[in-house]
């Protein structure tokens, strides 16, 4: 994917500027929430007692996100991080090799948090809600496969795993009705569920900071 023209580059540049400005308000010791557009759309400024630095980049995939992680860790100096990436690695034209490459980049991403000594909460991508506007761009099976790989890769390495794929799915593996606005991006109800799951997990990972 990295060899293709990147239509998101101008937006990512703007996000870099916004994140840099927000970083000074959050200060060191906050929560770094990093990932794709689902992260960018997260609209809470705090989780428990921790201020949130939103480092979401619409359209980003694991390979493109990986080199940003050390820079974000160095500049933000967080006490905790949350990672949500993989949705854009699981589009309809993806292959098994592509998913393998995404997992290799995920492994590198996790290593950056390990090296920085920052506890990581890993999240799986949400499922697709069928028959909505952007559903045709994503593969239900590939997102489920990517989520499974994320859980396997992060098991024993992340401080916790929040499985959005399972939490938001119906019996057929698709998102429950009303969980998204367009098939993949979360609705207010979907975000509230995400927030509550994260808040509970943050409290368990850093109880001395959130009680």
C-alpha atoms as a PDB file:
ATOM      1  CA  UNK A   1       0.000   0.000   0.000  1.00  0.00           C
ATOM      2  CA  UNK A   2       2.855   2.384   0.712  1.00  0.00           C
ATOM      3  CA  UNK A   3       3.866   2.445  -2.975  1.00  0.00           C
ATOM      4  CA  UNK A   4       0.484   3.781  -4.067  1.00  0.00           C
ATOM      5  CA  UNK A   5      -0.266   7.518  -4.291  1.00  0.00           C
ATOM      6  CA  UNK A   6      -1.454   8.716  -0.910  1.00  0.00           C
ATOM      7  CA  UNK A   7      -4.578  10.913  -1.129  1.00  0.00           C
ATOM      8  CA  UNK A   8      -4.521  11.347   2.651  1.00  0.00           C
ATOM      9  CA  UNK A   9      -1.110  13.070   2.834  1.00  0.00           C
ATOM     10  CA  UNK A  10      -2.494  16.646   2.998  1.00  0.00           C
ATOM     11  CA  UNK A  11      -4.913  15.665   5.742  1.00  0.00           C
ATOM     12  CA  UNK A  12      -2.165  13.904   7.700  1.00  0.00           C
ATOM     13  CA  UNK A  13      -0.055  17.060   7.533  1.00  0.00           C
ATOM     14  CA  UNK A  14      -2.950  19.039   9.005  1.00  0.00           C
ATOM     15  CA  UNK A  15      -3.385  16.381  11.686  1.00  0.00           C
ATOM     16  CA  UNK A  16       0.305  16.636  12.594  1.00  0.00           C
ATOM     17  CA  UNK A  17      -0.159  20.362  13.179  1.00  0.00           C
ATOM     18  CA  UNK A  18      -3.356  19.890  15.206  1.00  0.00           C
ATOM     19  CA  UNK A  19      -1.811  17.117  17.312  1.00  0.00           C
ATOM     20  CA  UNK A  20       1.252  19.248  17.986  1.00  0.00           C
ATOM     21  CA  UNK A  21      -0.936  22.128  19.185  1.00  0.00           C
ATOM     22  CA  UNK A  22      -3.095  19.847  21.324  1.00  0.00           C
ATOM     23  CA  UNK A  23      -0.031  18.184  22.856  1.00  0.00           C
ATOM     24  CA  UNK A  24       0.922  21.327  24.761  1.00  0.00           C
ATOM     25  CA  UNK A  25      -2.551  21.446  26.330  1.00  0.00           C
ATOM     26  CA  UNK A  26      -2.454  17.790  27.359  1.00  0.00           C
ATOM     27  CA  UNK A  27       1.113  17.877  28.660  1.00  0.00           C
ATOM     28  CA  UNK A  28       3.204  14.845  29.641  1.00  0.00           C
ATOM     29  CA  UNK A  29       1.648  11.923  31.461  1.00  0.00           C
ATOM     30  CA  UNK A  30      -1.593  11.849  29.500  1.00  0.00           C
ATOM     31  CA  UNK A  31      -3.196   9.159  27.365  1.00  0.00           C
ATOM     32  CA  UNK A  32      -2.024   8.912  23.744  1.00  0.00           C
ATOM     33  CA  UNK A  33      -4.866   7.573  21.577  1.00  0.00           C
ATOM     34  CA  UNK A  34      -3.381   6.733  18.201  1.00  0.00           C
ATOM     35  CA  UNK A  35      -4.794   5.182  15.053  1.00  0.00           C
ATOM     36  CA  UNK A  36      -7.082   5.818  12.097  1.00  0.00           C
ATOM     37  CA  UNK A  37     -10.277   7.813  11.453  1.00  0.00           C
ATOM     38  CA  UNK A  38     -12.199   5.948  14.135  1.00  0.00           C
ATOM     39  CA  UNK A  39      -9.695   7.373  16.626  1.00  0.00           C
ATOM     40  CA  UNK A  40      -9.802  10.807  14.988  1.00  0.00           C
ATOM     41  CA  UNK A  41     -13.566  10.846  15.529  1.00  0.00           C
ATOM     42  CA  UNK A  42     -13.303  10.047  19.261  1.00  0.00           C
ATOM     43  CA  UNK A  43     -14.691  13.191  20.890  1.00  0.00           C
ATOM     44  CA  UNK A  44     -13.822  12.856  24.598  1.00  0.00           C
ATOM     45  CA  UNK A  45     -10.939  14.871  26.029  1.00  0.00           C
ATOM     46  CA  UNK A  46     -10.468  12.660  29.084  1.00  0.00           C
ATOM     47  CA  UNK A  47     -10.649   9.020  30.096  1.00  0.00           C
ATOM     48  CA  UNK A  48     -10.874   8.815  33.866  1.00  0.00           C
ATOM     49  CA  UNK A  49      -8.371  11.331  35.215  1.00  0.00           C
ATOM     50  CA  UNK A  50      -6.191  11.152  32.114  1.00  0.00           C
ATOM     51  CA  UNK A  51      -6.318  13.877  29.448  1.00  0.00           C
ATOM     52  CA  UNK A  52      -6.475  12.391  25.961  1.00  0.00           C
ATOM     53  CA  UNK A  53      -4.169  13.386  23.122  1.00  0.00           C
ATOM     54  CA  UNK A  54      -6.056  12.334  19.991  1.00  0.00           C
ATOM     55  CA  UNK A  55      -3.532  11.208  17.371  1.00  0.00           C
ATOM     56  CA  UNK A  56      -5.987   9.769  14.868  1.00  0.00           C
ATOM     57  CA  UNK A  57      -5.191   9.935  11.143  1.00  0.00           C
ATOM     58  CA  UNK A  58      -8.051   9.276   8.729  1.00  0.00           C
ATOM     59  CA  UNK A  59      -7.214   6.623   6.179  1.00  0.00           C
ATOM     60  CA  UNK A  60      -4.019   5.440   7.827  1.00  0.00           C
ATOM     61  CA  UNK A  61      -2.914   1.815   7.780  1.00  0.00           C
ATOM     62  CA  UNK A  62      -0.359  -0.033   9.922  1.00  0.00           C
ATOM     63  CA  UNK A  63       2.659   0.504   7.661  1.00  0.00           C
ATOM     64  CA  UNK A  64       2.063   4.253   7.404  1.00  0.00           C
ATOM     65  CA  UNK A  65       1.372   4.613  11.124  1.00  0.00           C
ATOM     66  CA  UNK A  66       4.454   2.722  12.336  1.00  0.00           C
ATOM     67  CA  UNK A  67       7.109   5.440  11.729  1.00  0.00           C
ATOM     68  CA  UNK A  68       4.925   8.039  13.465  1.00  0.00           C
ATOM     69  CA  UNK A  69       4.800   6.115  16.741  1.00  0.00           C
ATOM     70  CA  UNK A  70       8.333   6.859  18.043  1.00  0.00           C
ATOM     71  CA  UNK A  71       7.888  10.559  17.258  1.00  0.00           C
ATOM     72  CA  UNK A  72       4.549  10.694  19.067  1.00  0.00           C
ATOM     73  CA  UNK A  73       5.915   8.837  22.080  1.00  0.00           C
ATOM     74  CA  UNK A  74       8.933  11.113  22.334  1.00  0.00           C
ATOM     75  CA  UNK A  75       6.952  14.336  22.014  1.00  0.00           C
ATOM     76  CA  UNK A  76       3.857  13.387  24.049  1.00  0.00           C
ATOM     77  CA  UNK A  77       5.536  11.461  26.891  1.00  0.00           C
ATOM     78  CA  UNK A  78       2.296   9.622  27.734  1.00  0.00           C
ATOM     79  CA  UNK A  79       1.733   7.458  30.783  1.00  0.00           C
ATOM     80  CA  UNK A  80      -0.604   5.206  28.786  1.00  0.00           C
ATOM     81  CA  UNK A  81      -1.441   4.619  25.120  1.00  0.00           C
ATOM     82  CA  UNK A  82      -4.380   3.184  23.201  1.00  0.00           C
ATOM     83  CA  UNK A  83      -3.912   1.835  19.670  1.00  0.00           C
ATOM     84  CA  UNK A  84      -6.619   1.235  17.065  1.00  0.00           C
ATOM     85  CA  UNK A  85      -5.382   0.400  13.571  1.00  0.00           C
ATOM     86  CA  UNK A  86      -6.147  -2.294  10.997  1.00  0.00           C
ATOM     87  CA  UNK A  87      -9.421  -1.229   9.426  1.00  0.00           C
ATOM     88  CA  UNK A  88      -7.686   0.207   6.360  1.00  0.00           C
ATOM     89  CA  UNK A  89      -5.502  -2.888   6.053  1.00  0.00           C
ATOM     90  CA  UNK A  90      -8.675  -4.944   5.565  1.00  0.00           C
ATOM     91  CA  UNK A  91     -10.259  -3.418   2.483  1.00  0.00           C
ATOM     92  CA  UNK A  92     -11.899  -5.593  -0.163  1.00  0.00           C
ATOM     93  CA  UNK A  93      -8.808  -5.830  -2.355  1.00  0.00           C
ATOM     94  CA  UNK A  94      -6.513  -6.980   0.465  1.00  0.00           C
ATOM     95  CA  UNK A  95      -4.686 -10.304   0.278  1.00  0.00           C
ATOM     96  CA  UNK A  96      -3.350 -12.760   2.842  1.00  0.00           C
ATOM     97  CA  UNK A  97       0.128 -11.392   2.143  1.00  0.00           C
ATOM     98  CA  UNK A  98      -1.158  -7.882   2.765  1.00  0.00           C
ATOM     99  CA  UNK A  99      -2.612  -8.893   6.112  1.00  0.00           C
ATOM    100  CA  UNK A 100       0.658 -10.652   6.967  1.00  0.00           C
ATOM    101  CA  UNK A 101       2.542  -7.427   6.218  1.00  0.00           C
ATOM    102  CA  UNK A 102       0.092  -5.437   8.355  1.00  0.00           C
ATOM    103  CA  UNK A 103       0.753  -7.757  11.291  1.00  0.00           C
ATOM    104  CA  UNK A 104       4.512  -7.361  10.839  1.00  0.00           C
ATOM    105  CA  UNK A 105       4.066  -3.592  11.069  1.00  0.00           C
ATOM    106  CA  UNK A 106       1.778  -4.035  14.071  1.00  0.00           C
ATOM    107  CA  UNK A 107       4.550  -6.030  15.729  1.00  0.00           C
ATOM    108  CA  UNK A 108       6.962  -3.129  15.121  1.00  0.00           C
ATOM    109  CA  UNK A 109       4.419  -0.670  16.521  1.00  0.00           C
ATOM    110  CA  UNK A 110       4.055  -2.685  19.709  1.00  0.00           C
ATOM    111  CA  UNK A 111       7.846  -2.833  20.026  1.00  0.00           C
ATOM    112  CA  UNK A 112       7.983   0.980  20.032  1.00  0.00           C
ATOM    113  CA  UNK A 113       5.679   1.077  23.063  1.00  0.00           C
ATOM    114  CA  UNK A 114       7.746  -1.644  24.734  1.00  0.00           C
ATOM    115  CA  UNK A 115      10.961   0.301  24.179  1.00  0.00           C
ATOM    116  CA  UNK A 116       9.406   3.501  25.541  1.00  0.00           C
ATOM    117  CA  UNK A 117       8.051   1.703  28.610  1.00  0.00           C
ATOM    118  CA  UNK A 118       4.519   2.936  27.905  1.00  0.00           C
ATOM    119  CA  UNK A 119       1.657   0.517  28.739  1.00  0.00           C
ATOM    120  CA  UNK A 120      -0.506  -0.156  25.690  1.00  0.00           C
ATOM    121  CA  UNK A 121      -4.207  -0.905  25.379  1.00  0.00           C
ATOM    122  CA  UNK A 122      -4.815  -2.478  21.961  1.00  0.00           C
ATOM    123  CA  UNK A 123      -8.189  -2.334  20.243  1.00  0.00           C
ATOM    124  CA  UNK A 124      -9.563  -4.403  17.376  1.00  0.00           C
ATOM    125  CA  UNK A 125     -11.323  -2.652  14.469  1.00  0.00           C
ATOM    126  CA  UNK A 126     -15.124  -2.504  14.658  1.00  0.00           C
ATOM    127  CA  UNK A 127     -17.146  -4.767  12.349  1.00  0.00           C
ATOM    128  CA  UNK A 128     -18.921  -3.567   9.207  1.00  0.00           C
ATOM    129  CA  UNK A 129     -22.597  -2.598   9.348  1.00  0.00           C
ATOM    130  CA  UNK A 130     -24.070  -3.973   6.142  1.00  0.00           C
ATOM    131  CA  UNK A 131     -25.858  -2.018   3.399  1.00  0.00           C
ATOM    132  CA  UNK A 132     -24.452   1.387   4.320  1.00  0.00           C
ATOM    133  CA  UNK A 133     -22.492   3.861   2.226  1.00  0.00           C
ATOM    134  CA  UNK A 134     -18.878   2.675   2.595  1.00  0.00           C
ATOM    135  CA  UNK A 135     -19.595  -1.009   3.247  1.00  0.00           C
ATOM    136  CA  UNK A 136     -18.509  -1.973  -0.269  1.00  0.00           C
ATOM    137  CA  UNK A 137     -14.948  -0.770   0.346  1.00  0.00           C
ATOM    138  CA  UNK A 138     -14.282  -3.187   3.224  1.00  0.00           C
ATOM    139  CA  UNK A 139     -14.260  -6.942   3.695  1.00  0.00           C
ATOM    140  CA  UNK A 140     -16.180  -8.365   6.636  1.00  0.00           C
ATOM    141  CA  UNK A 141     -14.021 -11.491   6.629  1.00  0.00           C
ATOM    142  CA  UNK A 142     -10.763  -9.535   6.317  1.00  0.00           C
ATOM    143  CA  UNK A 143     -11.648  -7.236   9.225  1.00  0.00           C
ATOM    144  CA  UNK A 144     -12.566 -10.249  11.355  1.00  0.00           C
ATOM    145  CA  UNK A 145      -9.285 -11.921  10.344  1.00  0.00           C
ATOM    146  CA  UNK A 146      -7.315  -8.746  11.077  1.00  0.00           C
ATOM    147  CA  UNK A 147      -8.970  -8.486  14.489  1.00  0.00           C
ATOM    148  CA  UNK A 148      -8.054 -12.080  15.290  1.00  0.00           C
ATOM    149  CA  UNK A 149      -4.451 -11.400  14.271  1.00  0.00           C
ATOM    150  CA  UNK A 150      -4.353  -8.255  16.428  1.00  0.00           C
ATOM    151  CA  UNK A 151      -5.524 -10.212  19.469  1.00  0.00           C
ATOM    152  CA  UNK A 152      -2.927 -12.920  18.817  1.00  0.00           C
ATOM    153  CA  UNK A 153      -0.105 -10.412  18.259  1.00  0.00           C
ATOM    154  CA  UNK A 154      -0.948  -8.306  21.310  1.00  0.00           C
ATOM    155  CA  UNK A 155      -1.652 -11.167  23.697  1.00  0.00           C
ATOM    156  CA  UNK A 156       0.909 -11.047  26.508  1.00  0.00           C
ATOM    157  CA  UNK A 157       2.444  -7.835  25.179  1.00  0.00           C
ATOM    158  CA  UNK A 158      -0.324  -5.257  25.574  1.00  0.00           C
ATOM    159  CA  UNK A 159      -1.505  -4.276  29.040  1.00  0.00           C
ATOM    160  CA  UNK A 160      -5.052  -5.006  27.849  1.00  0.00           C
ATOM    161  CA  UNK A 161      -7.034  -5.741  24.689  1.00  0.00           C
ATOM    162  CA  UNK A 162     -10.413  -4.146  23.949  1.00  0.00           C
ATOM    163  CA  UNK A 163     -12.191  -6.280  21.359  1.00  0.00           C
ATOM    164  CA  UNK A 164     -14.532  -3.911  19.507  1.00  0.00           C
ATOM    165  CA  UNK A 165     -15.016  -6.550  16.818  1.00  0.00           C
ATOM    166  CA  UNK A 166     -16.736  -8.880  19.276  1.00  0.00           C
ATOM    167  CA  UNK A 167     -18.482  -6.205  21.336  1.00  0.00           C
ATOM    168  CA  UNK A 168     -20.246  -4.550  18.389  1.00  0.00           C
ATOM    169  CA  UNK A 169     -21.016  -7.662  16.301  1.00  0.00           C
ATOM    170  CA  UNK A 170     -24.283  -9.465  15.764  1.00  0.00           C
ATOM    171  CA  UNK A 171     -24.601 -13.253  15.449  1.00  0.00           C
ATOM    172  CA  UNK A 172     -23.368 -13.122  11.848  1.00  0.00           C
ATOM    173  CA  UNK A 173     -20.229 -11.093  12.551  1.00  0.00           C
ATOM    174  CA  UNK A 174     -21.564  -7.809  11.148  1.00  0.00           C
ATOM    175  CA  UNK A 175     -22.031  -4.660  13.215  1.00  0.00           C
ATOM    176  CA  UNK A 176     -25.328  -4.424  15.054  1.00  0.00           C
ATOM    177  CA  UNK A 177     -27.831  -1.981  13.602  1.00  0.00           C
ATOM    178  CA  UNK A 178     -27.073   1.616  14.534  1.00  0.00           C
ATOM    179  CA  UNK A 179     -23.451   1.059  15.558  1.00  0.00           C
ATOM    180  CA  UNK A 180     -22.112   3.027  12.568  1.00  0.00           C
ATOM    181  CA  UNK A 181     -23.095   6.066  10.520  1.00  0.00           C
ATOM    182  CA  UNK A 182     -21.848   4.795   7.167  1.00  0.00           C
ATOM    183  CA  UNK A 183     -20.973   1.136   7.570  1.00  0.00           C
ATOM    184  CA  UNK A 184     -17.595   1.516   9.296  1.00  0.00           C
ATOM    185  CA  UNK A 185     -17.331   4.827  11.190  1.00  0.00           C
ATOM    186  CA  UNK A 186     -19.006   4.696  14.570  1.00  0.00           C
ATOM    187  CA  UNK A 187     -22.298   6.343  15.426  1.00  0.00           C
ATOM    188  CA  UNK A 188     -22.734   8.289  18.690  1.00  0.00           C
ATOM    189  CA  UNK A 189     -24.076   5.085  20.245  1.00  0.00           C
ATOM    190  CA  UNK A 190     -21.074   3.135  18.962  1.00  0.00           C
ATOM    191  CA  UNK A 191     -18.683   5.741  20.336  1.00  0.00           C
ATOM    192  CA  UNK A 192     -20.407   5.707  23.729  1.00  0.00           C
ATOM    193  CA  UNK A 193     -19.907   1.946  23.917  1.00  0.00           C
ATOM    194  CA  UNK A 194     -16.271   2.370  22.895  1.00  0.00           C
ATOM    195  CA  UNK A 195     -15.790   5.087  25.512  1.00  0.00           C
ATOM    196  CA  UNK A 196     -17.303   2.989  28.294  1.00  0.00           C
ATOM    197  CA  UNK A 197     -15.166  -0.040  27.389  1.00  0.00           C
ATOM    198  CA  UNK A 198     -12.043   2.106  27.292  1.00  0.00           C
ATOM    199  CA  UNK A 199     -12.822   3.911  30.535  1.00  0.00           C
ATOM    200  CA  UNK A 200     -13.290   0.605  32.336  1.00  0.00           C
ATOM    201  CA  UNK A 201     -10.063  -0.779  30.859  1.00  0.00           C
ATOM    202  CA  UNK A 202      -8.036   2.344  31.665  1.00  0.00           C
ATOM    203  CA  UNK A 203      -9.257   2.172  35.264  1.00  0.00           C
ATOM    204  CA  UNK A 204      -8.115  -1.448  35.481  1.00  0.00           C
ATOM    205  CA  UNK A 205      -4.713  -0.773  33.909  1.00  0.00           C
ATOM    206  CA  UNK A 206      -3.916   2.389  35.888  1.00  0.00           C
ATOM    207  CA  UNK A 207      -6.154   2.262  38.963  1.00  0.00           C
ATOM    208  CA  UNK A 208      -3.962   4.672  40.950  1.00  0.00           C
ATOM    209  CA  UNK A 209      -4.448   7.352  38.278  1.00  0.00           C
ATOM    210  CA  UNK A 210      -8.177   6.895  37.655  1.00  0.00           C
ATOM    211  CA  UNK A 211      -9.734   6.272  41.079  1.00  0.00           C
END
